[in-house]
Amino acid sequence: MAEESDFADKVPPSFYEMGNKIIYETEAKGLNPGLIVLLVVVGLLLIFLVGNYILYLYAQKTLPPRKKKPVSKKKMKRERLKQGVSAPGE
């Protein structure tokens, strides 16, 4: 027990030398790498979506409207019969 009382008033040298360094080491140094990756991914996704929207608007203005599929003669006959007009030649 005599040994314990000898060291009671002394601070171990490792803690004594560090002083206030512990506080400085816990401060943030720059941005978190995870945050940087997240910002880059979100930025690229946003650029992609905005670019697609701009291309869509440009295509709507400049491209001609789509051509309709040609209606087959069989379907034309059916439509005429539904309307009550007989098909020519019958």
PDB file of N, CA and C in Angstrom:
ATOM      1  N   MET A   1       0.809  -1.194   0.000  1.00  0.00           N
ATOM      2  CA  MET A   1       0.000   0.000   0.000  1.00  0.00           C
ATOM      3  C   MET A   1       0.849   1.253   0.000  1.00  0.00           C
ATOM      4  N   ALA A   2       2.061   1.114   0.428  1.00  0.00           N
ATOM      5  CA  ALA A   2       2.956   2.256   0.453  1.00  0.00           C
ATOM      6  C   ALA A   2       3.253   2.724  -0.964  1.00  0.00           C
ATOM      7  N   GLU A   3       3.270   1.792  -1.909  1.00  0.00           N
ATOM      8  CA  GLU A   3       3.556   2.150  -3.300  1.00  0.00           C
ATOM      9  C   GLU A   3       2.433   2.990  -3.912  1.00  0.00           C
ATOM     10  N   GLU A   4       1.184   2.684  -3.581  1.00  0.00           N
ATOM     11  CA  GLU A   4       0.053   3.429  -4.129  1.00  0.00           C
ATOM     12  C   GLU A   4       0.077   4.878  -3.681  1.00  0.00           C
ATOM     13  N   SER A   5       0.432   5.142  -2.450  1.00  0.00           N
ATOM     14  CA  SER A   5       0.432   6.509  -1.959  1.00  0.00           C
ATOM     15  C   SER A   5       1.576   7.319  -2.568  1.00  0.00           C
ATOM     16  N   ASP A   6       2.650   6.677  -2.996  1.00  0.00           N
ATOM     17  CA  ASP A   6       3.762   7.395  -3.607  1.00  0.00           C
ATOM     18  C   ASP A   6       3.363   8.005  -4.952  1.00  0.00           C
ATOM     19  N   PHE A   7       2.498   7.299  -5.709  1.00  0.00           N
ATOM     20  CA  PHE A   7       2.122   7.768  -7.053  1.00  0.00           C
ATOM     21  C   PHE A   7       0.792   8.534  -7.079  1.00  0.00           C
ATOM     22  N   ALA A   8       0.174   8.697  -5.967  1.00  0.00           N
ATOM     23  CA  ALA A   8      -1.152   9.326  -5.920  1.00  0.00           C
ATOM     24  C   ALA A   8      -1.104  10.779  -6.385  1.00  0.00           C
ATOM     25  N   ASP A   9      -0.043  11.492  -6.066  1.00  0.00           N
ATOM     26  CA  ASP A   9       0.007  12.909  -6.432  1.00  0.00           C
ATOM     27  C   ASP A   9       0.736  13.163  -7.740  1.00  0.00           C
ATOM     28  N   LYS A  10       1.210  12.127  -8.395  1.00  0.00           N
ATOM     29  CA  LYS A  10       1.966  12.305  -9.625  1.00  0.00           C
ATOM     30  C   LYS A  10       1.116  11.932 -10.843  1.00  0.00           C
ATOM     31  N   VAL A  11       1.277  12.668 -11.916  1.00  0.00           N
ATOM     32  CA  VAL A  11       0.569  12.386 -13.164  1.00  0.00           C
ATOM     33  C   VAL A  11       1.527  11.604 -14.052  1.00  0.00           C
ATOM     34  N   PRO A  12       1.056  10.535 -14.691  1.00  0.00           N
ATOM     35  CA  PRO A  12       1.947   9.790 -15.587  1.00  0.00           C
ATOM     36  C   PRO A  12       2.502  10.704 -16.676  1.00  0.00           C
ATOM     37  N   PRO A  13       3.748  10.503 -17.073  1.00  0.00           N
ATOM     38  CA  PRO A  13       4.383  11.426 -18.024  1.00  0.00           C
ATOM     39  C   PRO A  13       3.687  11.474 -19.385  1.00  0.00           C
ATOM     40  N   SER A  14       3.047  10.393 -19.823  1.00  0.00           N
ATOM     41  CA  SER A  14       2.413  10.412 -21.133  1.00  0.00           C
ATOM     42  C   SER A  14       1.258  11.419 -21.164  1.00  0.00           C
ATOM     43  N   PHE A  15       0.492  11.505 -20.088  1.00  0.00           N
ATOM     44  CA  PHE A  15      -0.609  12.461 -20.040  1.00  0.00           C
ATOM     45  C   PHE A  15      -0.100  13.870 -19.771  1.00  0.00           C
ATOM     46  N   TYR A  16       0.942  13.982 -19.009  1.00  0.00           N
ATOM     47  CA  TYR A  16       1.485  15.296 -18.675  1.00  0.00           C
ATOM     48  C   TYR A  16       2.050  15.995 -19.909  1.00  0.00           C
ATOM     49  N   GLU A  17       2.692  15.253 -20.778  1.00  0.00           N
ATOM     50  CA  GLU A  17       3.306  15.845 -21.965  1.00  0.00           C
ATOM     51  C   GLU A  17       2.269  16.244 -23.010  1.00  0.00           C
ATOM     52  N   MET A  18       1.149  15.519 -23.069  1.00  0.00           N
ATOM     53  CA  MET A  18       0.152  15.796 -24.093  1.00  0.00           C
ATOM     54  C   MET A  18      -0.529  17.145 -23.865  1.00  0.00           C
ATOM     55  N   GLY A  19      -0.799  17.474 -22.655  1.00  0.00           N
ATOM     56  CA  GLY A  19      -1.400  18.766 -22.357  1.00  0.00           C
ATOM     57  C   GLY A  19      -2.752  18.933 -23.030  1.00  0.00           C
ATOM     58  N   ASN A  20      -2.904  19.971 -23.849  1.00  0.00           N
ATOM     59  CA  ASN A  20      -4.176  20.273 -24.509  1.00  0.00           C
ATOM     60  C   ASN A  20      -4.266  19.715 -25.919  1.00  0.00           C
ATOM     61  N   LYS A  21      -3.369  18.852 -26.291  1.00  0.00           N
ATOM     62  CA  LYS A  21      -3.361  18.321 -27.649  1.00  0.00           C
ATOM     63  C   LYS A  21      -4.611  17.496 -27.945  1.00  0.00           C
ATOM     64  N   ILE A  22      -5.184  16.893 -26.952  1.00  0.00           N
ATOM     65  CA  ILE A  22      -6.362  16.051 -27.153  1.00  0.00           C
ATOM     66  C   ILE A  22      -7.501  16.874 -27.753  1.00  0.00           C
ATOM     67  N   ILE A  23      -7.667  18.069 -27.287  1.00  0.00           N
ATOM     68  CA  ILE A  23      -8.739  18.936 -27.773  1.00  0.00           C
ATOM     69  C   ILE A  23      -8.517  19.277 -29.247  1.00  0.00           C
ATOM     70  N   TYR A  24      -7.286  19.558 -29.623  1.00  0.00           N
ATOM     71  CA  TYR A  24      -7.003  19.941 -31.008  1.00  0.00           C
ATOM     72  C   TYR A  24      -7.176  18.774 -31.969  1.00  0.00           C
ATOM     73  N   GLU A  25      -6.905  17.565 -31.519  1.00  0.00           N
ATOM     74  CA  GLU A  25      -7.010  16.407 -32.397  1.00  0.00           C
ATOM     75  C   GLU A  25      -8.463  16.048 -32.711  1.00  0.00           C
ATOM     76  N   THR A  26      -9.385  16.414 -31.843  1.00  0.00           N
ATOM     77  CA  THR A  26     -10.787  16.067 -32.078  1.00  0.00           C
ATOM     78  C   THR A  26     -11.474  17.055 -33.019  1.00  0.00           C
ATOM     79  N   GLU A  27     -10.832  18.175 -33.321  1.00  0.00           N
ATOM     80  CA  GLU A  27     -11.440  19.133 -34.249  1.00  0.00           C
ATOM     81  C   GLU A  27     -11.444  18.552 -35.659  1.00  0.00           C
ATOM     82  N   ALA A  28     -12.462  18.941 -36.427  1.00  0.00           N
ATOM     83  CA  ALA A  28     -12.584  18.441 -37.800  1.00  0.00           C
ATOM     84  C   ALA A  28     -11.510  19.075 -38.672  1.00  0.00           C
ATOM     85  N   LYS A  29     -10.874  18.249 -39.494  1.00  0.00           N
ATOM     86  CA  LYS A  29      -9.860  18.756 -40.418  1.00  0.00           C
ATOM     87  C   LYS A  29     -10.407  18.609 -41.828  1.00  0.00           C
ATOM     88  N   GLY A  30     -10.979  19.648 -42.372  1.00  0.00           N
ATOM     89  CA  GLY A  30     -11.528  19.579 -43.724  1.00  0.00           C
ATOM     90  C   GLY A  30     -12.881  18.891 -43.739  1.00  0.00           C
ATOM     91  N   LEU A  31     -13.313  18.517 -44.940  1.00  0.00           N
ATOM     92  CA  LEU A  31     -14.611  17.869 -45.103  1.00  0.00           C
ATOM     93  C   LEU A  31     -14.486  16.364 -44.939  1.00  0.00           C
ATOM     94  N   ASN A  32     -15.545  15.782 -44.499  1.00  0.00           N
ATOM     95  CA  ASN A  32     -15.617  14.332 -44.350  1.00  0.00           C
ATOM     96  C   ASN A  32     -15.555  13.689 -45.736  1.00  0.00           C
ATOM     97  N   PRO A  33     -14.733  12.689 -45.965  1.00  0.00           N
ATOM     98  CA  PRO A  33     -14.655  12.047 -47.295  1.00  0.00           C
ATOM     99  C   PRO A  33     -15.986  11.452 -47.758  1.00  0.00           C
ATOM    100  N   GLY A  34     -16.772  10.934 -46.840  1.00  0.00           N
ATOM    101  CA  GLY A  34     -18.091  10.408 -47.199  1.00  0.00           C
ATOM    102  C   GLY A  34     -18.997  11.499 -47.727  1.00  0.00           C
ATOM    103  N   LEU A  35     -18.892  12.681 -47.141  1.00  0.00           N
ATOM    104  CA  LEU A  35     -19.704  13.815 -47.593  1.00  0.00           C
ATOM    105  C   LEU A  35     -19.279  14.258 -48.984  1.00  0.00           C
ATOM    106  N   ILE A  36     -17.993  14.226 -49.254  1.00  0.00           N
ATOM    107  CA  ILE A  36     -17.488  14.603 -50.581  1.00  0.00           C
ATOM    108  C   ILE A  36     -18.016  13.638 -51.641  1.00  0.00           C
ATOM    109  N   VAL A  37     -17.967  12.339 -51.354  1.00  0.00           N
ATOM    110  CA  VAL A  37     -18.475  11.336 -52.300  1.00  0.00           C
ATOM    111  C   VAL A  37     -19.965  11.535 -52.527  1.00  0.00           C
ATOM    112  N   LEU A  38     -20.707  11.784 -51.466  1.00  0.00           N
ATOM    113  CA  LEU A  38     -22.148  12.004 -51.579  1.00  0.00           C
ATOM    114  C   LEU A  38     -22.445  13.230 -52.438  1.00  0.00           C
ATOM    115  N   LEU A  39     -21.723  14.299 -52.222  1.00  0.00           N
ATOM    116  CA  LEU A  39     -21.939  15.516 -53.010  1.00  0.00           C
ATOM    117  C   LEU A  39     -21.612  15.302 -54.480  1.00  0.00           C
ATOM    118  N   VAL A  40     -20.549  14.563 -54.768  1.00  0.00           N
ATOM    119  CA  VAL A  40     -20.174  14.297 -56.157  1.00  0.00           C
ATOM    120  C   VAL A  40     -21.249  13.452 -56.845  1.00  0.00           C
ATOM    121  N   VAL A  41     -21.726  12.410 -56.173  1.00  0.00           N
ATOM    122  CA  VAL A  41     -22.739  11.535 -56.768  1.00  0.00           C
ATOM    123  C   VAL A  41     -24.038  12.295 -56.998  1.00  0.00           C
ATOM    124  N   VAL A  42     -24.474  13.070 -56.025  1.00  0.00           N
ATOM    125  CA  VAL A  42     -25.711  13.842 -56.173  1.00  0.00           C
ATOM    126  C   VAL A  42     -25.541  14.890 -57.268  1.00  0.00           C
ATOM    127  N   GLY A  43     -24.380  15.514 -57.342  1.00  0.00           N
ATOM    128  CA  GLY A  43     -24.132  16.499 -58.387  1.00  0.00           C
ATOM    129  C   GLY A  43     -24.188  15.886 -59.779  1.00  0.00           C
ATOM    130  N   LEU A  44     -23.555  14.731 -59.953  1.00  0.00           N
ATOM    131  CA  LEU A  44     -23.586  14.063 -61.264  1.00  0.00           C
ATOM    132  C   LEU A  44     -25.003  13.645 -61.633  1.00  0.00           C
ATOM    133  N   LEU A  45     -25.756  13.146 -60.668  1.00  0.00           N
ATOM    134  CA  LEU A  45     -27.142  12.748 -60.931  1.00  0.00           C
ATOM    135  C   LEU A  45     -27.988  13.953 -61.326  1.00  0.00           C
ATOM    136  N   LEU A  46     -27.776  15.051 -60.654  1.00  0.00           N
ATOM    137  CA  LEU A  46     -28.521  16.272 -60.973  1.00  0.00           C
ATOM    138  C   LEU A  46     -28.171  16.779 -62.371  1.00  0.00           C
ATOM    139  N   ILE A  47     -26.894  16.759 -62.715  1.00  0.00           N
ATOM    140  CA  ILE A  47     -26.468  17.179 -64.051  1.00  0.00           C
ATOM    141  C   ILE A  47     -27.084  16.276 -65.117  1.00  0.00           C
ATOM    142  N   PHE A  48     -27.113  14.966 -64.857  1.00  0.00           N
ATOM    143  CA  PHE A  48     -27.692  14.003 -65.800  1.00  0.00           C
ATOM    144  C   PHE A  48     -29.178  14.288 -66.026  1.00  0.00           C
ATOM    145  N   LEU A  49     -29.911  14.494 -64.936  1.00  0.00           N
ATOM    146  CA  LEU A  49     -31.350  14.724 -65.065  1.00  0.00           C
ATOM    147  C   LEU A  49     -31.649  16.049 -65.756  1.00  0.00           C
ATOM    148  N   VAL A  50     -30.931  17.095 -65.417  1.00  0.00           N
ATOM    149  CA  VAL A  50     -31.151  18.395 -66.057  1.00  0.00           C
ATOM    150  C   VAL A  50     -30.780  18.321 -67.535  1.00  0.00           C
ATOM    151  N   GLY A  51     -29.696  17.626 -67.862  1.00  0.00           N
ATOM    152  CA  GLY A  51     -29.297  17.465 -69.261  1.00  0.00           C
ATOM    153  C   GLY A  51     -30.336  16.714 -70.060  1.00  0.00           C
ATOM    154  N   ASN A  52     -30.889  15.656 -69.486  1.00  0.00           N
ATOM    155  CA  ASN A  52     -31.938  14.913 -70.182  1.00  0.00           C
ATOM    156  C   ASN A  52     -33.169  15.772 -70.415  1.00  0.00           C
ATOM    157  N   TYR A  53     -33.533  16.574 -69.446  1.00  0.00           N
ATOM    158  CA  TYR A  53     -34.704  17.439 -69.593  1.00  0.00           C
ATOM    159  C   TYR A  53     -34.480  18.475 -70.698  1.00  0.00           C
ATOM    160  N   ILE A  54     -33.277  19.030 -70.746  1.00  0.00           N
ATOM    161  CA  ILE A  54     -32.962  20.017 -71.792  1.00  0.00           C
ATOM    162  C   ILE A  54     -32.995  19.355 -73.172  1.00  0.00           C
ATOM    163  N   LEU A  55     -32.424  18.154 -73.278  1.00  0.00           N
ATOM    164  CA  LEU A  55     -32.483  17.434 -74.559  1.00  0.00           C
ATOM    165  C   LEU A  55     -33.918  17.102 -74.953  1.00  0.00           C
ATOM    166  N   TYR A  56     -34.744  16.757 -73.985  1.00  0.00           N
ATOM    167  CA  TYR A  56     -36.150  16.458 -74.258  1.00  0.00           C
ATOM    168  C   TYR A  56     -36.863  17.690 -74.811  1.00  0.00           C
ATOM    169  N   LEU A  57     -36.631  18.842 -74.177  1.00  0.00           N
ATOM    170  CA  LEU A  57     -37.264  20.072 -74.664  1.00  0.00           C
ATOM    171  C   LEU A  57     -36.773  20.423 -76.066  1.00  0.00           C
ATOM    172  N   TYR A  58     -35.486  20.255 -76.310  1.00  0.00           N
ATOM    173  CA  TYR A  58     -34.919  20.548 -77.625  1.00  0.00           C
ATOM    174  C   TYR A  58     -35.517  19.624 -78.690  1.00  0.00           C
ATOM    175  N   ALA A  59     -35.669  18.339 -78.348  1.00  0.00           N
ATOM    176  CA  ALA A  59     -36.210  17.372 -79.296  1.00  0.00           C
ATOM    177  C   ALA A  59     -37.678  17.672 -79.596  1.00  0.00           C
ATOM    178  N   GLN A  60     -38.410  18.116 -78.602  1.00  0.00           N
ATOM    179  CA  GLN A  60     -39.820  18.441 -78.829  1.00  0.00           C
ATOM    180  C   GLN A  60     -39.968  19.594 -79.812  1.00  0.00           C
ATOM    181  N   LYS A  61     -39.049  20.518 -79.770  1.00  0.00           N
ATOM    182  CA  LYS A  61     -39.135  21.687 -80.657  1.00  0.00           C
ATOM    183  C   LYS A  61     -38.647  21.373 -82.072  1.00  0.00           C
ATOM    184  N   THR A  62     -37.622  20.571 -82.187  1.00  0.00           N
ATOM    185  CA  THR A  62     -36.958  20.429 -83.488  1.00  0.00           C
ATOM    186  C   THR A  62     -37.371  19.201 -84.279  1.00  0.00           C
ATOM    187  N   LEU A  63     -37.686  18.092 -83.623  1.00  0.00           N
ATOM    188  CA  LEU A  63     -38.009  16.885 -84.367  1.00  0.00           C
ATOM    189  C   LEU A  63     -39.423  16.962 -84.929  1.00  0.00           C
ATOM    190  N   PRO A  64     -39.631  16.411 -86.132  1.00  0.00           N
ATOM    191  CA  PRO A  64     -40.991  16.394 -86.679  1.00  0.00           C
ATOM    192  C   PRO A  64     -41.857  15.417 -85.887  1.00  0.00           C
ATOM    193  N   PRO A  65     -43.182  15.593 -85.948  1.00  0.00           N
ATOM    194  CA  PRO A  65     -44.035  14.650 -85.223  1.00  0.00           C
ATOM    195  C   PRO A  65     -43.934  13.249 -85.820  1.00  0.00           C
ATOM    196  N   ARG A  66     -44.204  12.269 -85.009  1.00  0.00           N
ATOM    197  CA  ARG A  66     -44.123  10.877 -85.465  1.00  0.00           C
ATOM    198  C   ARG A  66     -45.185  10.607 -86.529  1.00  0.00           C
ATOM    199  N   LYS A  67     -44.806   9.754 -87.457  1.00  0.00           N
ATOM    200  CA  LYS A  67     -45.771   9.333 -88.465  1.00  0.00           C
ATOM    201  C   LYS A  67     -46.664   8.267 -87.863  1.00  0.00           C
ATOM    202  N   LYS A  68     -47.942   8.330 -88.227  1.00  0.00           N
ATOM    203  CA  LYS A  68     -48.863   7.314 -87.748  1.00  0.00           C
ATOM    204  C   LYS A  68     -48.646   6.043 -88.558  1.00  0.00           C
ATOM    205  N   LYS A  69     -48.889   4.928 -87.898  1.00  0.00           N
ATOM    206  CA  LYS A  69     -48.774   3.654 -88.604  1.00  0.00           C
ATOM    207  C   LYS A  69     -49.869   3.577 -89.671  1.00  0.00           C
ATOM    208  N   PRO A  70     -49.554   3.028 -90.828  1.00  0.00           N
ATOM    209  CA  PRO A  70     -50.598   2.886 -91.847  1.00  0.00           C
ATOM    210  C   PRO A  70     -51.652   1.874 -91.385  1.00  0.00           C
ATOM    211  N   VAL A  71     -52.888   2.232 -91.617  1.00  0.00           N
ATOM    212  CA  VAL A  71     -53.985   1.351 -91.222  1.00  0.00           C
ATOM    213  C   VAL A  71     -54.177   0.311 -92.319  1.00  0.00           C
ATOM    214  N   SER A  72     -54.310  -0.942 -91.923  1.00  0.00           N
ATOM    215  CA  SER A  72     -54.457  -2.009 -92.916  1.00  0.00           C
ATOM    216  C   SER A  72     -55.838  -1.926 -93.567  1.00  0.00           C
ATOM    217  N   LYS A  73     -55.942  -2.497 -94.747  1.00  0.00           N
ATOM    218  CA  LYS A  73     -57.211  -2.479 -95.491  1.00  0.00           C
ATOM    219  C   LYS A  73     -58.292  -3.222 -94.721  1.00  0.00           C
ATOM    220  N   LYS A  74     -57.906  -4.263 -94.031  1.00  0.00           N
ATOM    221  CA  LYS A  74     -58.866  -5.050 -93.265  1.00  0.00           C
ATOM    222  C   LYS A  74     -59.497  -4.206 -92.155  1.00  0.00           C
ATOM    223  N   LYS A  75     -58.661  -3.443 -91.476  1.00  0.00           N
ATOM    224  CA  LYS A  75     -59.174  -2.589 -90.409  1.00  0.00           C
ATOM    225  C   LYS A  75     -60.039  -1.476 -90.976  1.00  0.00           C
ATOM    226  N   MET A  76     -59.660  -0.960 -92.133  1.00  0.00           N
ATOM    227  CA  MET A  76     -60.468   0.085 -92.755  1.00  0.00           C
ATOM    228  C   MET A  76     -61.862  -0.452 -93.081  1.00  0.00           C
ATOM    229  N   LYS A  77     -61.914  -1.676 -93.570  1.00  0.00           N
ATOM    230  CA  LYS A  77     -63.208  -2.291 -93.888  1.00  0.00           C
ATOM    231  C   LYS A  77     -64.072  -2.412 -92.642  1.00  0.00           C
ATOM    232  N   ARG A  78     -63.453  -2.876 -91.559  1.00  0.00           N
ATOM    233  CA  ARG A  78     -64.193  -3.033 -90.307  1.00  0.00           C
ATOM    234  C   ARG A  78     -64.756  -1.701 -89.830  1.00  0.00           C
ATOM    235  N   GLU A  79     -63.926  -0.664 -89.885  1.00  0.00           N
ATOM    236  CA  GLU A  79     -64.377   0.656 -89.444  1.00  0.00           C
ATOM    237  C   GLU A  79     -65.549   1.143 -90.292  1.00  0.00           C
ATOM    238  N   ARG A  80     -65.476   0.944 -91.567  1.00  0.00           N
ATOM    239  CA  ARG A  80     -66.556   1.388 -92.448  1.00  0.00           C
ATOM    240  C   ARG A  80     -67.844   0.619 -92.171  1.00  0.00           C
ATOM    241  N   LEU A  81     -67.688  -0.668 -91.911  1.00  0.00           N
ATOM    242  CA  LEU A  81     -68.873  -1.471 -91.620  1.00  0.00           C
ATOM    243  C   LEU A  81     -69.513  -1.044 -90.288  1.00  0.00           C
ATOM    244  N   LYS A  82     -68.676  -0.690 -89.311  1.00  0.00           N
ATOM    245  CA  LYS A  82     -69.203  -0.211 -88.029  1.00  0.00           C
ATOM    246  C   LYS A  82     -69.965   1.086 -88.219  1.00  0.00           C
ATOM    247  N   GLN A  83     -69.493   1.939 -89.119  1.00  0.00           N
ATOM    248  CA  GLN A  83     -70.151   3.219 -89.356  1.00  0.00           C
ATOM    249  C   GLN A  83     -71.366   3.073 -90.259  1.00  0.00           C
ATOM    250  N   GLY A  84     -71.537   1.941 -90.859  1.00  0.00           N
ATOM    251  CA  GLY A  84     -72.705   1.698 -91.702  1.00  0.00           C
ATOM    252  C   GLY A  84     -72.451   1.967 -93.165  1.00  0.00           C
ATOM    253  N   VAL A  85     -71.252   2.280 -93.564  1.00  0.00           N
ATOM    254  CA  VAL A  85     -70.919   2.526 -94.959  1.00  0.00           C
ATOM    255  C   VAL A  85     -70.382   1.222 -95.522  1.00  0.00           C
ATOM    256  N   SER A  86     -70.952   0.762 -96.603  1.00  0.00           N
ATOM    257  CA  SER A  86     -70.455  -0.483 -97.182  1.00  0.00           C
ATOM    258  C   SER A  86     -69.154  -0.219 -97.924  1.00  0.00           C
ATOM    259  N   ALA A  87     -68.289  -1.176 -97.862  1.00  0.00           N
ATOM    260  CA  ALA A  87     -67.004  -1.051 -98.523  1.00  0.00           C
ATOM    261  C   ALA A  87     -67.219  -1.148-100.028  1.00  0.00           C
ATOM    262  N   PRO A  88     -66.460  -0.399-100.802  1.00  0.00           N
ATOM    263  CA  PRO A  88     -66.637  -0.449-102.261  1.00  0.00           C
ATOM    264  C   PRO A  88     -66.317  -1.838-102.802  1.00  0.00           C
ATOM    265  N   GLY A  89     -67.111  -2.275-103.739  1.00  0.00           N
ATOM    266  CA  GLY A  89     -66.882  -3.578-104.332  1.00  0.00           C
ATOM    267  C   GLY A  89     -67.648  -4.688-103.633  1.00  0.00           C
ATOM    268  N   GLU A  90     -68.467  -4.346-102.648  1.00  0.00           N
ATOM    269  CA  GLU A  90     -69.250  -5.394-101.963  1.00  0.00           C
ATOM    270  C   GLU A  90     -70.717  -5.169-102.157  1.00  0.00           C
TER     271      GLU A  90
END
